């Protein structure tokens, strides 16, 4: 009784003191039940795996997104139904926005390129002086330079895979048949023009390397016989603000109607599939934490059964059923907190050192896990986001708390007379 009063003075409220007493007693005796340890390890393993997996998936998502957007715009503003003739004014207005990192005009049209073989591609007209502000085309040149796209030269830059498919190299010629109809004395015919291959680039994205070709904007205007561009491309400091920035630019332009699009709309299928894949994987891996929570239920039920006499004594000393329930909720929740903290530390540590671990495995077993001739991505990219880590920790703590409810409720229903009958 004196011992109970001493702990009552040290800890408030009493159920917390008793719950901590049960946990400390196990530690002082150097013994934690196997099932309790299994529940701690199960929760820790689930948190570790979930944090690491979400970081890897976020890293791949970011890598794919960056590789795709490094050759295209974060957002575009294009004239509706007619070429944009005041594109220089649009560029000036865009660059006055502090959210915009760069702006450049472009012309885009579908075409068919013919060399020894034929392949469809998107032909883009760009300004070599302004293009580096919105893309890394100049940095991705394997042969030739972006500056070779001089007006009047009718040069063209091809992706590495597109050049291989067409069977051409630098110095060869390709005939571009563009999706623009012109009237002739013999009827309607598509516009065609012979271009000279002045460079080959490799962006690291199959969609770009095989499906896009670049020419000088002025040359494409002459071929299409138009005065103006398709629109203006924007590169932003924060790509998540793309749609809002493009919409503000369209509203600030005088006259006419403008169409606004951003990278999430232009790559909607890929964007949504990556997000769905990450969400589904997170839900599936949460089942590992759930397994640890079920193990916690088992350990708490066994603890309640083992402490029947203690519960009866506490009830006779005046502890209410609610107080008994709080005792075992505190003890079980502490186990969940310990497992979650171990998993958090292990997950963060594993994520930070994952690439070193993979390098060690490759050297130890003399294997290549991500061969560069198969994957564009070499190494294992990770992007540990605070929101993912926070969500994982909260899910683990919530599951641990819920796992304590049934055993604690069962302890609260213990009848002192029944428990002490055979003591």
Protein backbone atom coordinates (compact mmCIF):
# COMPACT_ATOMS: atom_id res chain seq x y z
CA UNK A 1 0.00 0.00 0.00
CA UNK A 2 2.87 2.36 0.84
CA UNK A 3 4.56 1.53 -2.44
CA UNK A 4 1.33 2.37 -4.30
CA UNK A 5 1.13 5.74 -2.53
CA UNK A 6 4.77 6.55 -3.33
CA UNK A 7 4.17 5.97 -7.03
CA UNK A 8 0.92 7.90 -6.83
CA UNK A 9 2.82 10.93 -5.55
CA UNK A 10 5.51 10.57 -8.24
CA UNK A 11 3.16 10.08 -11.19
CA UNK A 12 -0.19 11.59 -12.00
CA UNK A 13 -2.53 10.07 -12.90
CA UNK A 14 -2.34 6.68 -11.22
CA UNK A 15 -3.08 4.51 -14.34
CA UNK A 16 -0.07 6.01 -16.09
CA UNK A 17 2.13 5.22 -13.07
CA UNK A 18 1.02 1.59 -12.97
CA UNK A 19 1.40 1.17 -16.75
CA UNK A 20 4.95 2.51 -16.58
CA UNK A 21 5.59 0.29 -13.55
CA UNK A 22 4.70 -2.82 -15.55
CA UNK A 23 7.03 -1.81 -18.34
CA UNK A 24 9.93 -0.85 -16.05
CA UNK A 25 9.58 -4.01 -14.04
CA UNK A 26 10.14 -6.07 -17.15
CA UNK A 27 13.22 -4.07 -18.03
CA UNK A 28 14.71 -4.29 -14.52
CA UNK A 29 14.27 -8.03 -14.55
CA UNK A 30 16.01 -8.15 -17.94
CA UNK A 31 13.05 -9.90 -19.50
CA UNK A 32 10.53 -8.86 -22.11
CA UNK A 33 8.13 -11.50 -23.34
CA UNK A 34 8.80 -12.94 -26.75
CA UNK A 35 5.42 -11.85 -28.07
CA UNK A 36 5.88 -8.28 -26.84
CA UNK A 37 9.28 -8.17 -28.50
CA UNK A 38 7.78 -9.62 -31.67
CA UNK A 39 5.13 -6.89 -31.72
CA UNK A 40 7.79 -4.19 -31.26
CA UNK A 41 9.91 -5.66 -34.04
CA UNK A 42 6.86 -6.13 -36.29
CA UNK A 43 5.83 -2.50 -35.96
CA UNK A 44 9.43 -1.32 -36.38
CA UNK A 45 9.90 -3.47 -39.49
CA UNK A 46 6.69 -2.20 -41.03
CA UNK A 47 7.61 1.45 -40.41
CA UNK A 48 11.14 0.89 -41.76
CA UNK A 49 9.96 -0.80 -44.94
CA UNK A 50 7.21 1.73 -45.55
CA UNK A 51 9.47 4.77 -45.09
CA UNK A 52 12.19 3.31 -47.34
CA UNK A 53 9.81 2.11 -50.05
CA UNK A 54 7.92 5.40 -50.25
CA UNK A 55 11.25 7.26 -50.43
CA UNK A 56 12.44 5.05 -53.31
CA UNK A 57 9.14 5.38 -55.18
CA UNK A 58 9.19 9.15 -54.68
CA UNK A 59 12.77 9.17 -55.96
CA UNK A 60 11.85 7.24 -59.11
CA UNK A 61 8.80 9.46 -59.62
CA UNK A 62 10.92 12.60 -59.29
CA UNK A 63 13.62 11.18 -61.58
CA UNK A 64 11.13 10.24 -64.30
CA UNK A 65 9.34 13.56 -63.96
CA UNK A 66 12.56 15.56 -64.13
CA UNK A 67 13.84 13.62 -67.13
CA UNK A 68 10.55 14.16 -68.92
CA UNK A 69 10.26 17.86 -68.08
CA UNK A 70 13.89 18.78 -68.71
CA UNK A 71 13.09 18.73 -72.44
CA UNK A 72 9.61 20.21 -72.20
CA UNK A 73 7.81 23.03 -70.43
CA UNK A 74 6.32 23.20 -66.97
CA UNK A 75 3.46 25.19 -68.51
CA UNK A 76 2.42 26.58 -71.89
CA UNK A 77 0.24 29.46 -73.04
CA UNK A 78 -0.90 29.20 -76.65
CA UNK A 79 -3.20 31.28 -78.82
CA UNK A 80 -6.61 29.76 -79.54
CA UNK A 81 -7.26 29.09 -83.22
CA UNK A 82 -4.45 31.27 -84.62
CA UNK A 83 -0.69 31.78 -84.30
CA UNK A 84 0.52 33.97 -81.41
CA UNK A 85 2.04 37.03 -83.09
CA UNK A 86 2.83 39.01 -79.92
CA UNK A 87 4.97 36.29 -78.37
CA UNK A 88 7.77 38.73 -77.45
CA UNK A 89 5.31 40.70 -75.32
CA UNK A 90 4.14 37.45 -73.70
CA UNK A 91 7.74 36.52 -72.87
CA UNK A 92 8.35 39.95 -71.34
CA UNK A 93 5.19 39.73 -69.21
CA UNK A 94 6.11 36.22 -68.06
CA UNK A 95 9.64 37.19 -67.04
CA UNK A 96 8.26 39.94 -64.80
CA UNK A 97 6.61 37.25 -62.69
CA UNK A 98 9.03 36.22 -59.90
CA UNK A 99 7.69 32.67 -60.06
CA UNK A 100 8.95 32.25 -63.65
CA UNK A 101 12.53 31.08 -64.21
CA UNK A 102 12.44 31.26 -68.01
CA UNK A 103 10.18 31.73 -71.02
CA UNK A 104 10.64 30.95 -74.71
CA UNK A 105 8.45 30.74 -77.84
CA UNK A 106 7.87 27.54 -79.74
CA UNK A 107 6.13 26.10 -82.79
CA UNK A 108 4.88 22.54 -82.65
CA UNK A 109 3.45 20.39 -85.42
CA UNK A 110 3.11 16.72 -86.20
CA UNK A 111 5.24 15.43 -89.04
CA UNK A 112 6.63 12.43 -90.84
CA UNK A 113 10.42 12.24 -91.21
CA UNK A 114 11.87 10.23 -94.07
CA UNK A 115 15.44 9.04 -94.48
CA UNK A 116 16.33 5.48 -95.48
CA UNK A 117 13.34 4.67 -93.25
CA UNK A 118 10.25 6.63 -92.21
CA UNK A 119 9.17 7.58 -88.70
CA UNK A 120 6.52 9.91 -87.31
CA UNK A 121 7.66 12.61 -84.89
CA UNK A 122 6.75 15.95 -83.39
CA UNK A 123 8.67 18.76 -85.07
CA UNK A 124 9.34 21.72 -82.75
CA UNK A 125 10.56 25.10 -83.87
CA UNK A 126 12.67 26.80 -81.20
CA UNK A 127 14.77 29.92 -80.75
CA UNK A 128 18.36 28.77 -80.03
CA UNK A 129 18.99 31.90 -77.96
CA UNK A 130 15.96 31.50 -75.66
CA UNK A 131 15.59 27.69 -75.56
CA UNK A 132 18.25 27.16 -72.81
CA UNK A 133 16.01 29.15 -70.45
CA UNK A 134 13.27 26.48 -70.56
CA UNK A 135 15.04 23.21 -71.40
CA UNK A 136 18.41 21.46 -71.27
CA UNK A 137 18.50 20.60 -74.97
CA UNK A 138 21.92 22.23 -75.40
CA UNK A 139 23.35 20.15 -72.54
CA UNK A 140 22.02 16.87 -73.97
CA UNK A 141 23.74 17.20 -77.36
CA UNK A 142 25.92 14.17 -78.10
CA UNK A 143 27.01 15.45 -81.49
CA UNK A 144 26.63 18.94 -82.88
CA UNK A 145 25.35 21.97 -80.98
CA UNK A 146 22.09 23.79 -80.40
CA UNK A 147 23.58 26.90 -82.03
CA UNK A 148 23.68 25.02 -85.35
CA UNK A 149 19.98 25.84 -85.73
CA UNK A 150 20.67 29.10 -87.54
CA UNK A 151 17.82 30.72 -89.52
CA UNK A 152 17.97 29.98 -93.22
CA UNK A 153 20.19 26.91 -92.78
CA UNK A 154 17.24 24.49 -92.42
CA UNK A 155 19.12 22.27 -89.99
CA UNK A 156 17.43 19.74 -87.70
CA UNK A 157 18.33 18.06 -84.40
CA UNK A 158 17.24 14.45 -83.89
CA UNK A 159 17.04 12.26 -80.82
CA UNK A 160 19.50 9.40 -80.71
CA UNK A 161 16.85 6.70 -81.08
CA UNK A 162 15.01 8.62 -83.78
CA UNK A 163 18.23 8.99 -85.80
CA UNK A 164 18.96 5.27 -85.43
CA UNK A 165 15.44 4.38 -86.51
CA UNK A 166 15.62 6.68 -89.54
CA UNK A 167 19.10 5.39 -90.42
CA UNK A 168 20.70 8.84 -90.59
CA UNK A 169 23.65 10.58 -88.95
CA UNK A 170 25.04 14.09 -88.70
CA UNK A 171 25.45 15.53 -92.20
CA UNK A 172 22.66 13.42 -93.74
CA UNK A 173 19.35 14.81 -94.94
CA UNK A 174 15.79 13.98 -93.94
CA UNK A 175 12.57 15.02 -95.63
CA UNK A 176 9.92 16.36 -93.26
CA UNK A 177 6.29 16.04 -94.32
CA UNK A 178 4.29 18.28 -92.02
CA UNK A 179 0.64 18.03 -91.04
CA UNK A 180 -0.22 21.28 -92.83
CA UNK A 181 -2.16 21.30 -96.08
CA UNK A 182 -1.39 23.75 -98.89
CA UNK A 183 -3.38 24.35 -102.04
CA UNK A 184 -1.66 23.66 -105.36
CA UNK A 185 -2.83 23.59 -109.01
CA UNK A 186 -3.00 19.79 -108.73
CA UNK A 187 -4.93 19.81 -105.45
CA UNK A 188 -4.26 19.87 -101.71
CA UNK A 189 -0.84 18.64 -100.65
CA UNK A 190 1.06 18.44 -97.39
CA UNK A 191 3.99 20.78 -96.89
CA UNK A 192 7.37 19.10 -97.23
CA UNK A 193 10.92 20.34 -96.71
CA UNK A 194 14.37 18.79 -96.74
CA UNK A 195 16.41 19.39 -93.58
CA UNK A 196 20.05 18.63 -92.85
CA UNK A 197 20.87 16.75 -89.65
CA UNK A 198 23.23 19.03 -87.70
CA UNK A 199 23.14 17.34 -84.31
CA UNK A 200 21.99 14.36 -82.23
CA UNK A 201 20.84 14.57 -78.60
CA UNK A 202 19.99 12.04 -75.90
CA UNK A 203 17.53 13.20 -73.23
CA UNK A 204 17.24 9.88 -71.42
CA UNK A 205 13.51 9.63 -72.14
CA UNK A 206 12.30 7.24 -74.82
CA UNK A 207 9.33 9.49 -75.62
CA UNK A 208 11.63 12.42 -76.42
CA UNK A 209 14.59 10.59 -77.94
CA UNK A 210 12.41 8.77 -80.46
CA UNK A 211 9.52 11.14 -80.99
CA UNK A 212 10.78 14.75 -81.13
CA UNK A 213 12.91 16.72 -83.60
CA UNK A 214 14.00 20.37 -83.28
CA UNK A 215 14.45 22.99 -86.01
CA UNK A 216 14.89 26.74 -86.02
CA UNK A 217 11.64 28.59 -85.34
CA UNK A 218 12.14 30.99 -88.27
CA UNK A 219 12.76 28.13 -90.69
CA UNK A 220 9.56 26.40 -89.58
CA UNK A 221 7.61 29.66 -89.98
CA UNK A 222 8.82 29.87 -93.58
CA UNK A 223 7.90 26.27 -94.31
CA UNK A 224 4.43 26.65 -92.80
CA UNK A 225 4.05 30.17 -94.21
CA UNK A 226 2.78 31.61 -90.94
CA UNK A 227 3.69 34.74 -89.00
CA UNK A 228 3.69 33.79 -85.35
CA UNK A 229 4.27 30.89 -83.00
CA UNK A 230 2.18 28.17 -81.39
CA UNK A 231 2.72 29.63 -77.93
CA UNK A 232 5.11 30.39 -75.10
CA UNK A 233 6.67 27.78 -72.84
CA UNK A 234 7.40 28.53 -69.20
CA UNK A 235 9.93 27.11 -66.76
CA UNK A 236 9.10 27.76 -63.10
CA UNK A 237 10.99 27.76 -59.84
CA UNK A 238 8.21 25.57 -58.38
CA UNK A 239 6.62 23.30 -60.96
CA UNK A 240 3.63 22.61 -58.69
CA UNK A 241 2.46 26.18 -59.37
CA UNK A 242 2.53 25.67 -63.14
CA UNK A 243 -1.17 25.97 -63.91
CA UNK A 244 -1.73 29.06 -61.76
CA UNK A 245 1.26 30.90 -63.26
CA UNK A 246 0.22 30.09 -66.83
CA UNK A 247 -3.35 31.18 -66.14
CA UNK A 248 -2.15 34.51 -64.69
CA UNK A 249 -0.03 35.08 -67.80
CA UNK A 250 -2.99 34.40 -70.10
CA UNK A 251 -5.15 36.85 -68.14
CA UNK A 252 -2.47 39.56 -68.37
CA UNK A 253 -2.18 39.32 -72.15
CA UNK A 254 -4.28 41.77 -74.16
CA UNK A 255 -6.74 40.61 -76.77
CA UNK A 256 -7.67 37.17 -78.02
CA UNK A 257 -8.26 33.86 -76.28
CA UNK A 258 -5.48 31.70 -74.93
CA UNK A 259 -5.22 28.06 -74.00
CA UNK A 260 -3.39 27.16 -70.79
CA UNK A 261 -1.89 23.77 -70.02
CA UNK A 262 0.65 22.46 -67.53
CA UNK A 263 2.84 19.40 -67.18
CA UNK A 264 0.26 17.47 -65.14
CA UNK A 265 -2.24 17.80 -68.02
CA UNK A 266 0.25 17.11 -70.81
CA UNK A 267 1.45 13.94 -69.03
CA UNK A 268 -1.78 13.09 -67.22
CA UNK A 269 -1.60 9.31 -67.71
CA UNK A 270 1.95 9.03 -66.43
CA UNK A 271 1.38 11.51 -63.60
CA UNK A 272 -1.75 9.79 -62.27
CA UNK A 273 -0.36 6.28 -62.72
CA UNK A 274 2.75 7.14 -60.68
CA UNK A 275 0.66 8.64 -57.90
CA UNK A 276 -1.74 5.69 -57.88
CA UNK A 277 1.15 3.21 -57.80
CA UNK A 278 2.69 4.98 -54.81
CA UNK A 279 -0.65 5.12 -52.99
CA UNK A 280 -1.44 1.44 -53.57
CA UNK A 281 2.06 0.39 -52.52
CA UNK A 282 1.74 2.45 -49.34
CA UNK A 283 -1.56 0.78 -48.48
CA UNK A 284 -0.18 -2.71 -49.10
CA UNK A 285 2.95 -2.14 -47.04
CA UNK A 286 0.84 -0.76 -44.21
CA UNK A 287 -0.34 -4.34 -43.73
CA UNK A 288 3.10 -5.13 -42.26
CA UNK A 289 2.42 -2.58 -39.54
CA UNK A 290 -1.03 -4.10 -39.10
CA UNK A 291 0.55 -7.52 -38.52
CA UNK A 292 2.70 -6.01 -35.78
CA UNK A 293 -0.44 -4.47 -34.28
CA UNK A 294 -2.16 -7.88 -34.22
CA UNK A 295 0.87 -9.30 -32.43
CA UNK A 296 0.52 -6.46 -29.94
CA UNK A 297 -3.08 -7.53 -29.32
CA UNK A 298 -1.88 -11.06 -28.52
CA UNK A 299 0.78 -9.84 -26.11
CA UNK A 300 -1.67 -7.55 -24.33
CA UNK A 301 -4.26 -10.32 -23.98
CA UNK A 302 -1.61 -12.59 -22.45
CA UNK A 303 -0.52 -9.77 -20.12
CA UNK A 304 -4.12 -9.22 -18.98
CA UNK A 305 -4.49 -12.94 -18.30
CA UNK A 306 -1.21 -12.98 -16.34
CA UNK A 307 -2.18 -9.93 -14.27
CA UNK A 308 -5.64 -11.08 -13.22
CA UNK A 309 -4.70 -11.09 -9.53
CA UNK A 310 -3.09 -7.64 -9.76
CA UNK A 311 -6.19 -6.29 -11.46
CA UNK A 312 -8.41 -7.70 -8.75
CA UNK A 313 -6.27 -6.14 -6.02
CA UNK A 314 -6.31 -2.76 -7.76
CA UNK A 315 -10.08 -2.97 -8.06
CA UNK A 316 -10.44 -3.72 -4.33
CA UNK A 317 -8.21 -0.72 -3.56
CA UNK A 318 -10.67 1.50 -5.40
CA UNK A 319 -9.36 1.68 -8.98
CA UNK A 320 -12.29 2.05 -11.35
CA UNK A 321 -12.82 -0.12 -14.47
CA UNK A 322 -11.90 2.92 -16.53
CA UNK A 323 -8.66 3.22 -14.60
CA UNK A 324 -7.84 -0.44 -15.20
CA UNK A 325 -8.48 0.10 -18.89
CA UNK A 326 -6.13 3.08 -18.94
CA UNK A 327 -3.37 1.04 -17.26
CA UNK A 328 -3.18 -1.47 -20.10
CA UNK A 329 -3.75 1.14 -22.79
CA UNK A 330 -0.70 3.02 -21.48
CA UNK A 331 1.41 -0.13 -21.37
CA UNK A 332 0.38 -1.25 -24.87
CA UNK A 333 0.70 2.23 -26.36
CA UNK A 334 4.25 2.48 -25.00
CA UNK A 335 5.16 -0.72 -26.83
CA UNK A 336 3.71 0.79 -30.02
CA UNK A 337 5.63 4.04 -29.50
CA UNK A 338 8.89 2.16 -28.96
CA UNK A 339 8.34 0.11 -32.14
CA UNK A 340 7.43 3.20 -34.13
CA UNK A 341 10.49 5.13 -32.95
CA UNK A 342 12.78 2.19 -33.77
CA UNK A 343 11.18 1.93 -37.21
CA UNK A 344 11.50 5.68 -37.79
CA UNK A 345 15.21 5.71 -36.94
CA UNK A 346 15.87 2.54 -38.94
CA UNK A 347 13.86 3.75 -41.95
CA UNK A 348 15.58 7.14 -42.12
CA UNK A 349 19.01 5.56 -41.64
CA UNK A 350 18.36 2.88 -44.27
CA UNK A 351 17.08 5.43 -46.78
CA UNK A 352 20.11 7.69 -46.35
CA UNK A 353 22.51 4.77 -46.82
CA UNK A 354 20.55 2.71 -49.33
CA UNK A 355 22.73 3.50 -52.32
CA UNK A 356 25.90 2.67 -50.37
CA UNK A 357 24.35 -0.62 -49.32
CA UNK A 358 23.46 -1.47 -52.93
CA UNK A 359 26.98 -0.54 -54.07
CA UNK A 360 28.36 -2.89 -51.42
CA UNK A 361 26.08 -5.71 -52.59
CA UNK A 362 27.18 -5.16 -56.20
CA UNK A 363 30.87 -5.29 -55.25
CA UNK A 364 30.40 -8.26 -52.92
CA UNK A 365 28.49 -10.45 -55.37
CA UNK A 366 29.95 -8.90 -58.57
CA UNK A 367 26.52 -8.10 -60.02
CA UNK A 368 24.90 -5.01 -61.53
CA UNK A 369 21.45 -4.39 -60.11
CA UNK A 370 20.58 -1.51 -62.49
CA UNK A 371 22.48 -2.09 -65.76
CA UNK A 372 23.00 1.22 -67.64
CA UNK A 373 22.33 -0.45 -71.00
CA UNK A 374 18.82 -1.42 -69.85
CA UNK A 375 17.74 1.43 -67.54
CA UNK A 376 18.10 5.13 -68.16
CA UNK A 377 18.42 5.59 -64.40
CA UNK A 378 21.75 4.46 -62.93
CA UNK A 379 21.79 4.16 -59.17
CA UNK A 380 18.79 4.13 -56.88
CA UNK A 381 17.21 7.58 -56.50
CA UNK A 382 15.51 8.37 -53.19
CA UNK A 383 13.38 11.33 -52.18
CA UNK A 384 12.33 11.10 -48.54
CA UNK A 385 9.42 13.48 -48.10
CA UNK A 386 8.41 14.75 -44.68
CA UNK A 387 4.72 14.18 -45.46
CA UNK A 388 5.31 10.48 -46.21
CA UNK A 389 7.35 9.95 -43.04
CA UNK A 390 4.79 11.79 -40.93
CA UNK A 391 1.91 9.79 -42.39
CA UNK A 392 3.76 6.51 -41.77
CA UNK A 393 4.49 7.38 -38.14
CA UNK A 394 0.91 8.49 -37.50
CA UNK A 395 -0.51 5.31 -39.07
CA UNK A 396 1.76 3.15 -36.90
CA UNK A 397 0.83 5.04 -33.73
CA UNK A 398 -2.89 4.87 -34.57
CA UNK A 399 -2.77 1.12 -35.23
CA UNK A 400 -0.84 0.56 -32.00
CA UNK A 401 -3.37 2.57 -30.02
CA UNK A 402 -6.33 0.72 -31.53
CA UNK A 403 -4.62 -2.61 -30.80
CA UNK A 404 -4.73 -1.85 -27.07
CA UNK A 405 -8.47 -1.18 -26.87
CA UNK A 406 -9.80 -4.76 -26.78
CA UNK A 407 -7.27 -6.16 -24.23
CA UNK A 408 -7.77 -3.08 -22.01
CA UNK A 409 -11.56 -3.44 -22.25
CA UNK A 410 -11.22 -7.11 -21.36
CA UNK A 411 -9.08 -6.18 -18.31
CA UNK A 412 -11.69 -3.65 -17.19
CA UNK A 413 -14.33 -6.38 -17.13
CA UNK A 414 -12.35 -8.52 -14.67
CA UNK A 415 -14.37 -9.36 -11.54
CA UNK A 416 -12.21 -9.21 -8.35
CA UNK A 417 -14.03 -12.09 -6.62
CA UNK A 418 -13.62 -14.40 -9.62
CA UNK A 419 -9.96 -13.49 -10.08
CA UNK A 420 -9.06 -14.01 -6.38
CA UNK A 421 -11.07 -17.19 -5.84
CA UNK A 422 -8.08 -19.51 -6.32
CA UNK A 423 -5.35 -17.17 -5.08
